Amino acid sequence: MKKYKVYGIGAALVDTEIKVDDSELNTMNVEKGLMTLVDQARQTELLGHLTGHLVKASHASGGSAGNSMIATAQFGGPTFMSCKVANDSDGDIYIADLEAAGVDHCFDGARSDGVTGKCLVLITPDAERSMNTYLGISETLSTEQLDPDAIAASEYLYIEGYLVTSPTGLAAAVKAREIAEAAGVKTALSFSDPGMVEFFREGIAKIIGDRLDLVFCNEDEALGWAQSDDINVAVEKIKEVAETFVITRGAAGALTFDGTELVEIPSKKVDAVDTNGAGDMFAGAFLYAISHGEDFPTAGRFASLAAGRIVANFGPRLPAEDYTALRQEFFAN
């Protein structure tokens, strides 16, 4: 048995979530529903517009792969996370959150000076999240943060697609995939955001290499990859680069493909409050389930339930005790 169910690699970010309305997004010239990379000056400018909201802001460690690795670990599947934080208070917070969730990590001592990455997450009344990310020191994540032994000791390698925005991050993602392939570890990639597929297509293709074992994406990302508005075309295009895949479709549920059968997974009806972290939770729950022997449809139903719980709450994660309760609720039935 492998030591880890999943080894994740991605940007380490500390999230600040703020509730706004659409008119405020327009005033700040924020593109709704996407992740936009910004520099520190732009993030400071945005915070200046939001001064009155900050007293009610929510703060938590985030980053897509980090959220997923915490979810898998909280459900009971050991995980490892490679990322990069600075020697600052936000870096302390991030590492403490990983350790509290039981996630092993690549930090074994000194950290570099700099600024830990931050993501300003703006939540509109329709529960949509619009992210403005200052990568900070995460932009220099590189092969130095990889732990080849931990990759080889994992059942899955999970790569965050956002890494394509950084030359060193992209190199680290490609190297991690190569290490995993050489060790017989299954490879998984999240497309992460429609903008990654649209503007960094060549980088995504480099991470994919000849072929991956598993791809996670939402419907917009799938259509963007296929360069089509037909979901059936998208399904066939993703089959060309991955043995298996999951396409999440929001309120319409999800599609899972296990290499043989394409199955529609219904969604659970919830009153959506905040969609931030829903895809990360879906991936984390799905990886937990398949690494514990569940088939793709079962894993999809569990992941859909878990993602529904996230969107019904404010913030990218659940209280720690809720993960065990959710797992017991689902698998007892």
Protein backbone atom coordinates (compact mmCIF):
# COMPACT_ATOMS: atom_id res chain seq x y z
CA MET A 1 0.00 0.00 0.00
CA LYS A 2 1.28 3.48 -0.91
CA LYS A 3 1.98 5.99 1.87
CA TYR A 4 -0.11 8.71 0.20
CA LYS A 5 -3.35 8.55 -1.71
CA VAL A 6 -2.56 11.79 -3.56
CA TYR A 7 0.44 14.08 -4.05
CA GLY A 8 -0.65 17.60 -5.00
CA ILE A 9 1.26 20.50 -6.51
CA GLY A 10 -0.04 24.04 -6.88
CA ALA A 11 0.03 27.65 -5.74
CA ALA A 12 -0.26 28.37 -2.02
CA LEU A 13 -2.57 31.33 -1.51
CA VAL A 14 -4.28 32.96 1.45
CA ASP A 15 -7.85 33.87 0.44
CA THR A 16 -9.74 36.98 1.44
CA GLU A 17 -13.44 36.52 0.60
CA ILE A 18 -15.67 39.57 0.35
CA LYS A 19 -19.35 39.82 -0.57
CA VAL A 20 -20.04 42.41 -3.28
CA ASP A 21 -22.70 43.15 -5.86
CA ASP A 22 -22.37 43.20 -9.63
CA SER A 23 -22.25 46.98 -9.83
CA GLU A 24 -19.15 46.95 -7.62
CA LEU A 25 -17.48 44.42 -9.93
CA ASN A 26 -18.18 46.75 -12.83
CA THR A 27 -16.84 49.78 -10.95
CA MET A 28 -13.62 47.92 -10.16
CA ASN A 29 -13.40 46.49 -13.71
CA VAL A 30 -13.30 42.91 -12.41
CA GLU A 31 -14.16 40.14 -14.87
CA LYS A 32 -16.89 38.07 -13.31
CA GLY A 33 -16.50 34.34 -12.72
CA LEU A 34 -12.84 34.08 -13.72
CA MET A 35 -9.44 34.01 -12.07
CA THR A 36 -7.41 37.08 -13.04
CA LEU A 37 -3.72 37.40 -12.23
CA VAL A 38 -2.88 40.80 -10.76
CA ASP A 39 0.21 42.48 -9.36
CA GLN A 40 0.46 43.71 -5.80
CA ALA A 41 -0.43 47.28 -6.78
CA ARG A 42 -3.67 46.19 -8.47
CA GLN A 43 -4.66 44.03 -5.50
CA THR A 44 -4.02 47.00 -3.19
CA GLU A 45 -6.12 49.18 -5.48
CA LEU A 46 -9.01 46.70 -5.31
CA LEU A 47 -8.79 46.52 -1.52
CA GLY A 48 -8.99 50.31 -1.46
CA HIS A 49 -12.38 50.11 -3.20
CA LEU A 50 -13.52 47.56 -0.63
CA THR A 51 -12.50 49.25 2.61
CA GLY A 52 -16.05 49.22 3.95
CA HIS A 53 -16.34 45.48 3.34
CA LEU A 54 -13.13 44.37 5.01
CA VAL A 55 -14.55 44.20 8.53
CA LYS A 56 -16.79 41.35 7.35
CA ALA A 57 -14.19 39.66 5.14
CA SER A 58 -13.38 35.98 5.60
CA HIS A 59 -9.73 34.82 5.55
CA ALA A 60 -8.50 31.26 4.93
CA SER A 61 -5.64 29.41 3.33
CA GLY A 62 -6.53 28.47 -0.21
CA GLY A 63 -5.11 27.62 -3.58
CA SER A 64 -6.84 25.04 -5.75
CA ALA A 65 -4.64 21.98 -5.20
CA GLY A 66 -4.18 22.86 -1.53
CA ASN A 67 -7.93 22.92 -1.00
CA SER A 68 -8.26 19.54 -2.73
CA MET A 69 -5.43 17.93 -0.76
CA ILE A 70 -6.95 19.18 2.50
CA ALA A 71 -10.33 17.74 1.47
CA THR A 72 -8.89 14.32 0.59
CA ALA A 73 -6.95 14.24 3.86
CA GLN A 74 -9.94 15.35 5.93
CA PHE A 75 -12.03 12.56 4.43
CA GLY A 76 -9.34 10.10 5.52
CA GLY A 77 -6.92 9.80 2.60
CA PRO A 78 -3.28 10.74 3.38
CA THR A 79 -1.92 13.45 1.07
CA PHE A 80 1.26 15.43 0.39
CA MET A 81 1.43 19.02 -0.90
CA SER A 82 4.20 20.77 -2.81
CA CYS A 83 3.87 24.55 -2.92
CA LYS A 84 5.83 27.64 -1.90
CA VAL A 85 5.18 30.19 0.83
CA ALA A 86 7.33 33.02 2.16
CA ASN A 87 8.80 33.51 5.60
CA ASP A 88 5.89 35.71 6.68
CA SER A 89 2.76 35.46 8.80
CA ASP A 90 0.60 34.26 5.89
CA GLY A 91 3.16 31.54 5.21
CA ASP A 92 2.91 30.49 8.85
CA ILE A 93 -0.89 30.35 8.53
CA TYR A 94 -0.73 28.27 5.37
CA ILE A 95 1.63 25.66 6.78
CA ALA A 96 -0.34 25.47 10.02
CA ASP A 97 -3.54 24.81 8.03
CA LEU A 98 -1.91 21.99 6.08
CA GLU A 99 -0.61 20.38 9.24
CA ALA A 100 -3.93 20.78 11.08
CA ALA A 101 -5.60 18.88 8.23
CA GLY A 102 -2.97 16.14 8.31
CA VAL A 103 -1.37 17.06 4.97
CA ASP A 104 2.36 16.38 4.70
CA HIS A 105 4.34 19.04 2.84
CA CYS A 106 7.66 20.05 1.32
CA PHE A 107 8.66 22.60 3.98
CA ASP A 108 11.49 21.22 6.08
CA GLY A 109 13.07 24.36 7.49
CA ALA A 110 14.00 27.80 6.19
CA ARG A 111 11.67 29.71 3.90
CA SER A 112 12.64 32.52 1.53
CA ASP A 113 11.92 36.17 2.19
CA GLY A 114 9.06 37.59 0.16
CA VAL A 115 5.28 37.67 0.21
CA THR A 116 3.03 34.63 0.39
CA GLY A 117 0.48 34.59 -2.43
CA LYS A 118 -2.94 36.13 -1.87
CA CYS A 119 -6.27 35.75 -3.61
CA LEU A 120 -9.04 38.33 -3.35
CA VAL A 121 -12.27 36.40 -3.87
CA LEU A 122 -15.33 38.53 -4.64
CA ILE A 123 -18.68 36.78 -4.10
CA THR A 124 -21.79 38.20 -5.78
CA PRO A 125 -25.40 37.51 -4.68
CA ASP A 126 -25.73 34.75 -7.31
CA ALA A 127 -22.92 32.88 -5.45
CA GLU A 128 -20.46 33.32 -8.33
CA ARG A 129 -16.82 33.89 -7.36
CA SER A 130 -14.46 36.25 -9.17
CA MET A 131 -10.83 35.84 -8.17
CA ASN A 132 -7.98 38.33 -8.33
CA THR A 133 -4.75 36.56 -7.55
CA TYR A 134 -1.38 37.98 -6.62
CA LEU A 135 0.90 34.96 -6.74
CA GLY A 136 3.69 36.49 -4.68
CA ILE A 137 6.38 33.92 -3.98
CA SER A 138 4.18 31.17 -5.50
CA GLU A 139 5.21 32.53 -8.89
CA THR A 140 8.69 31.10 -8.24
CA LEU A 141 7.50 27.61 -7.29
CA SER A 142 9.93 25.29 -9.07
CA THR A 143 11.31 21.79 -9.26
CA GLU A 144 13.10 22.53 -5.96
CA GLN A 145 9.77 22.12 -4.17
CA LEU A 146 9.25 18.60 -5.56
CA ASP A 147 9.78 15.52 -3.41
CA PRO A 148 10.38 12.62 -5.84
CA ASP A 149 10.21 10.01 -3.07
CA ALA A 150 6.81 11.30 -1.94
CA ILE A 151 5.54 11.30 -5.53
CA ALA A 152 6.65 7.69 -5.96
CA ALA A 153 4.95 6.83 -2.64
CA SER A 154 1.57 8.13 -3.91
CA GLU A 155 -1.28 6.52 -5.82
CA TYR A 156 -2.06 9.72 -7.73
CA LEU A 157 -0.22 12.90 -8.68
CA TYR A 158 -2.65 15.84 -8.84
CA ILE A 159 -1.51 18.92 -10.77
CA GLU A 160 -3.20 22.31 -10.59
CA GLY A 161 -3.62 23.88 -14.02
CA TYR A 162 -2.94 27.37 -12.69
CA LEU A 163 0.77 26.43 -12.68
CA VAL A 164 0.91 27.18 -16.42
CA THR A 165 1.03 30.93 -15.65
CA SER A 166 4.56 30.65 -14.20
CA PRO A 167 7.53 29.37 -16.25
CA THR A 168 9.09 27.69 -13.21
CA GLY A 169 5.72 26.39 -12.05
CA LEU A 170 5.06 24.88 -15.48
CA ALA A 171 8.49 23.24 -15.44
CA ALA A 172 7.75 21.81 -11.99
CA ALA A 173 4.39 20.43 -13.16
CA VAL A 174 5.98 18.75 -16.18
CA LYS A 175 8.81 17.31 -14.07
CA ALA A 176 6.36 16.02 -11.47
CA ARG A 177 4.38 14.27 -14.21
CA GLU A 178 7.56 12.70 -15.58
CA ILE A 179 8.58 11.47 -12.12
CA ALA A 180 5.11 10.02 -11.57
CA GLU A 181 5.08 8.25 -14.93
CA ALA A 182 8.51 6.70 -14.27
CA ALA A 183 7.30 5.46 -10.87
CA GLY A 184 4.02 4.05 -12.17
CA VAL A 185 1.96 6.68 -10.32
CA LYS A 186 -1.33 7.74 -11.92
CA THR A 187 -1.40 11.32 -13.19
CA ALA A 188 -4.26 13.79 -12.78
CA LEU A 189 -4.68 17.40 -13.90
CA SER A 190 -7.27 20.05 -13.16
CA PHE A 191 -7.77 22.55 -15.99
CA SER A 192 -8.56 25.01 -13.13
CA ASP A 193 -10.09 27.93 -15.05
CA PRO A 194 -11.40 28.75 -18.55
CA GLY A 195 -8.66 31.36 -18.87
CA MET A 196 -5.96 28.72 -18.42
CA VAL A 197 -7.34 26.74 -21.34
CA GLU A 198 -7.85 29.81 -23.53
CA PHE A 199 -4.63 31.71 -22.93
CA PHE A 200 -2.16 29.00 -21.83
CA ARG A 201 -3.16 26.13 -24.09
CA GLU A 202 0.43 25.24 -25.02
CA GLY A 203 1.38 25.04 -21.34
CA ILE A 204 -1.58 22.78 -20.58
CA ALA A 205 -0.49 20.54 -23.47
CA LYS A 206 3.04 20.35 -22.02
CA ILE A 207 1.66 19.21 -18.67
CA ILE A 208 -0.51 16.61 -20.41
CA GLY A 209 2.45 15.19 -22.34
CA ASP A 210 1.46 12.10 -24.31
CA ARG A 211 -1.55 11.32 -22.12
CA LEU A 212 -2.82 11.60 -18.56
CA ASP A 213 -4.74 9.12 -16.44
CA LEU A 214 -7.36 11.61 -15.23
CA VAL A 215 -8.55 15.13 -16.08
CA PHE A 216 -10.85 17.31 -13.99
CA CYS A 217 -12.59 20.26 -15.63
CA ASN A 218 -15.83 22.15 -15.62
CA GLU A 219 -18.06 22.48 -18.67
CA ASP A 220 -16.67 25.87 -19.76
CA GLU A 221 -13.12 24.52 -19.56
CA ALA A 222 -14.08 21.38 -21.47
CA LEU A 223 -15.71 23.40 -24.25
CA GLY A 224 -12.71 25.73 -24.30
CA TRP A 225 -10.32 22.81 -24.68
CA ALA A 226 -12.43 21.40 -27.53
CA GLN A 227 -12.87 24.88 -29.06
CA SER A 228 -16.52 23.96 -29.53
CA ASP A 229 -19.89 24.78 -28.00
CA ASP A 230 -20.95 21.11 -28.16
CA ILE A 231 -20.38 19.07 -24.98
CA ASN A 232 -20.31 15.84 -27.01
CA VAL A 233 -17.40 17.18 -29.04
CA ALA A 234 -15.69 18.19 -25.80
CA VAL A 235 -16.07 14.68 -24.42
CA GLU A 236 -14.37 13.20 -27.48
CA LYS A 237 -11.55 15.77 -27.38
CA ILE A 238 -10.79 15.04 -23.73
CA LYS A 239 -10.74 11.31 -24.48
CA GLU A 240 -7.80 12.08 -26.78
CA VAL A 241 -5.64 13.32 -23.89
CA ALA A 242 -6.87 11.38 -20.84
CA GLU A 243 -7.75 7.79 -20.02
CA THR A 244 -10.52 8.96 -17.68
CA PHE A 245 -12.09 12.31 -16.79
CA VAL A 246 -14.72 14.24 -14.89
CA ILE A 247 -16.62 17.25 -16.26
CA THR A 248 -18.54 19.21 -13.62
CA ARG A 249 -21.61 21.09 -14.82
CA GLY A 250 -22.77 23.12 -11.82
CA ALA A 251 -26.47 22.70 -11.14
CA ALA A 252 -26.65 20.21 -14.04
CA GLY A 253 -24.43 17.74 -12.16
CA ALA A 254 -21.37 16.11 -13.69
CA LEU A 255 -20.16 13.62 -16.27
CA THR A 256 -17.72 10.85 -15.33
CA PHE A 257 -15.82 8.66 -17.78
CA ASP A 258 -13.96 5.65 -16.38
CA GLY A 259 -12.35 4.64 -19.65
CA THR A 260 -15.38 2.67 -20.77
CA GLU A 261 -18.64 4.23 -19.65
CA LEU A 262 -19.81 7.86 -19.64
CA VAL A 263 -22.21 8.43 -16.73
CA GLU A 264 -24.30 11.46 -15.85
CA ILE A 265 -24.16 12.36 -12.16
CA PRO A 266 -27.14 14.36 -10.86
CA SER A 267 -26.52 17.33 -8.61
CA LYS A 268 -28.04 17.83 -5.18
CA LYS A 269 -30.30 20.88 -5.09
CA VAL A 270 -28.89 23.43 -2.65
CA ASP A 271 -29.30 27.11 -1.93
CA ALA A 272 -25.98 28.39 -3.28
CA VAL A 273 -24.17 30.98 -1.18
CA ASP A 274 -20.58 30.82 -2.43
CA THR A 275 -19.14 28.70 -5.27
CA ASN A 276 -15.52 29.34 -4.26
CA GLY A 277 -13.82 26.00 -3.66
CA ALA A 278 -16.62 23.87 -5.11
CA GLY A 279 -14.46 22.40 -7.87
CA ASP A 280 -11.59 21.87 -5.43
CA MET A 281 -13.87 20.02 -3.04
CA PHE A 282 -15.27 17.92 -5.88
CA ALA A 283 -11.76 16.87 -6.94
CA GLY A 284 -10.65 16.17 -3.37
CA ALA A 285 -13.72 14.06 -2.59
CA PHE A 286 -13.52 12.23 -5.92
CA LEU A 287 -9.84 11.40 -5.41
CA TYR A 288 -10.58 10.16 -1.91
CA ALA A 289 -13.31 7.84 -3.20
CA ILE A 290 -11.49 6.33 -6.20
CA SER A 291 -8.30 5.84 -4.18
CA HIS A 292 -10.40 3.83 -1.71
CA GLY A 293 -11.70 1.48 -4.39
CA GLU A 294 -14.98 3.16 -5.35
CA ASP A 295 -16.08 3.21 -8.99
CA PHE A 296 -16.39 6.47 -10.92
CA PRO A 297 -20.18 6.90 -10.63
CA THR A 298 -20.04 6.34 -6.86
CA ALA A 299 -17.10 8.72 -6.54
CA GLY A 300 -18.97 11.26 -8.64
CA ARG A 301 -22.07 11.11 -6.46
CA PHE A 302 -19.97 11.51 -3.31
CA ALA A 303 -18.03 14.41 -4.82
CA SER A 304 -21.26 16.07 -5.96
CA LEU A 305 -22.68 15.83 -2.44
CA ALA A 306 -19.49 17.29 -0.97
CA ALA A 307 -19.36 20.14 -3.49
CA GLY A 308 -23.00 20.94 -2.76
CA ARG A 309 -22.17 21.31 0.93
CA ILE A 310 -19.41 23.77 0.05
CA VAL A 311 -21.56 26.05 -2.12
CA ALA A 312 -24.18 26.17 0.62
CA ASN A 313 -21.59 27.71 2.98
CA PHE A 314 -19.37 30.78 2.87
CA GLY A 315 -15.71 29.86 2.36
CA PRO A 316 -13.72 27.19 0.46
CA ARG A 317 -13.83 24.48 3.14
CA LEU A 318 -16.05 22.88 5.75
CA PRO A 319 -15.42 22.66 9.49
CA ALA A 320 -13.10 19.70 10.16
CA GLU A 321 -15.74 17.56 11.85
CA ASP A 322 -18.09 17.87 8.87
CA TYR A 323 -15.83 15.81 6.59
CA THR A 324 -16.13 12.70 8.72
CA ALA A 325 -19.88 13.19 9.09
CA LEU A 326 -20.30 13.64 5.33
CA ARG A 327 -18.27 10.52 4.55
CA GLN A 328 -20.23 8.44 7.06
CA GLU A 329 -23.54 9.82 5.78
CA PHE A 330 -22.79 8.88 2.19
CA PHE A 331 -21.05 5.54 2.55
CA ALA A 332 -23.48 4.26 5.18
CA ASN A 333 -26.25 4.33 2.58
